[in-house]
Amino acid sequence: MSSDTDVSLSSYDEDQGSKLIRKAREAPFVPIGTAGFAAIVAYGLYKWKSRGDTKMSVHLIHMRVAAQGFVVGAMTLGMGYSK
């Protein structure tokens, strides 16, 4: 009698680092989008003090639009890459 309910536990045995690497290989544009988002946020925080006479709300809106644009672009490239 064969057991159809046997489940391979090899995916449960991997640690967080190898799981992250495996997921990044499956969808390479996810870490690229995340890194780009973090870079734009870091740049926005760095330029916050030297924004000149620009209002804070305008500066934050520009940074939000840039970060969202980068993530949407990475998602679009990822969709094109996967097909």
Protein backbone atom coordinates (compact mmCIF):
# COMPACT_ATOMS: atom_id res chain seq x y z
CA MET A 1 0.00 0.00 0.00
CA SER A 2 1.58 3.25 -1.08
CA SER A 3 1.32 6.32 1.05
CA ASP A 4 0.21 9.38 -0.91
CA THR A 5 0.26 11.59 2.16
CA ASP A 6 4.06 11.54 2.56
CA VAL A 7 5.27 15.12 2.48
CA SER A 8 8.83 16.03 1.72
CA LEU A 9 10.16 18.05 4.62
CA SER A 10 13.23 19.30 2.76
CA SER A 11 11.70 22.79 2.40
CA TYR A 12 11.21 22.95 6.16
CA ASP A 13 14.83 22.05 6.85
CA GLU A 14 16.37 25.12 5.20
CA ASP A 15 17.45 28.07 7.32
CA GLN A 16 16.39 31.68 6.76
CA GLY A 17 19.48 32.62 4.74
CA SER A 18 19.11 29.83 2.20
CA LYS A 19 15.38 30.43 1.96
CA LEU A 20 15.99 34.12 1.20
CA ILE A 21 18.56 33.21 -1.47
CA ARG A 22 16.18 30.69 -3.04
CA LYS A 23 13.32 33.20 -3.11
CA ALA A 24 15.62 35.87 -4.61
CA ARG A 25 16.60 33.49 -7.40
CA GLU A 26 12.96 32.71 -8.13
CA ALA A 27 11.97 36.40 -8.30
CA PRO A 28 15.12 38.53 -8.74
CA PHE A 29 13.33 41.86 -9.08
CA VAL A 30 11.78 41.73 -5.60
CA PRO A 31 15.09 42.34 -3.79
CA ILE A 32 16.04 44.89 -6.47
CA GLY A 33 12.80 46.80 -5.86
CA THR A 34 13.24 46.61 -2.10
CA ALA A 35 16.84 47.82 -2.29
CA GLY A 36 15.87 50.66 -4.62
CA PHE A 37 13.06 51.70 -2.31
CA ALA A 38 15.42 51.72 0.67
CA ALA A 39 18.04 53.69 -1.30
CA ILE A 40 15.52 56.36 -2.30
CA VAL A 41 14.25 56.66 1.27
CA ALA A 42 17.83 56.96 2.54
CA TYR A 43 18.60 59.62 -0.09
CA GLY A 44 15.46 61.53 0.88
CA LEU A 45 16.44 61.50 4.54
CA TYR A 46 19.96 62.62 3.63
CA LYS A 47 18.67 65.52 1.51
CA TRP A 48 16.04 66.52 4.07
CA LYS A 49 18.30 69.07 5.77
CA SER A 50 19.45 70.64 2.51
CA ARG A 51 16.12 70.86 0.73
CA GLY A 52 16.40 74.66 0.56
CA ASP A 53 13.20 76.64 0.56
CA THR A 54 11.12 73.67 -0.60
CA LYS A 55 8.26 72.84 1.76
CA MET A 56 8.60 69.61 3.69
CA SER A 57 5.34 68.25 2.32
CA VAL A 58 6.49 68.78 -1.28
CA HIS A 59 9.82 67.10 -0.51
CA LEU A 60 8.07 64.09 1.05
CA ILE A 61 5.66 63.80 -1.88
CA HIS A 62 8.56 63.80 -4.35
CA MET A 63 10.37 61.10 -2.40
CA ARG A 64 7.21 58.99 -2.11
CA VAL A 65 6.54 59.23 -5.85
CA ALA A 66 10.17 58.34 -6.66
CA ALA A 67 10.11 55.32 -4.32
CA GLN A 68 6.78 54.09 -5.64
CA GLY A 69 7.90 54.58 -9.22
CA PHE A 70 11.02 52.52 -8.63
CA VAL A 71 9.04 49.69 -7.04
CA VAL A 72 6.38 49.70 -9.78
CA GLY A 73 9.14 49.70 -12.41
CA ALA A 74 10.85 46.75 -10.75
CA MET A 75 7.54 44.89 -10.58
CA THR A 76 6.87 45.60 -14.26
CA LEU A 77 10.32 44.40 -15.28
CA GLY A 78 9.85 41.33 -13.08
CA MET A 79 6.58 40.48 -14.79
CA GLY A 80 8.20 40.84 -18.19
CA TYR A 81 11.18 38.77 -17.08
CA SER A 82 9.03 35.92 -15.76
CA LYS A 83 7.01 35.45 -18.98
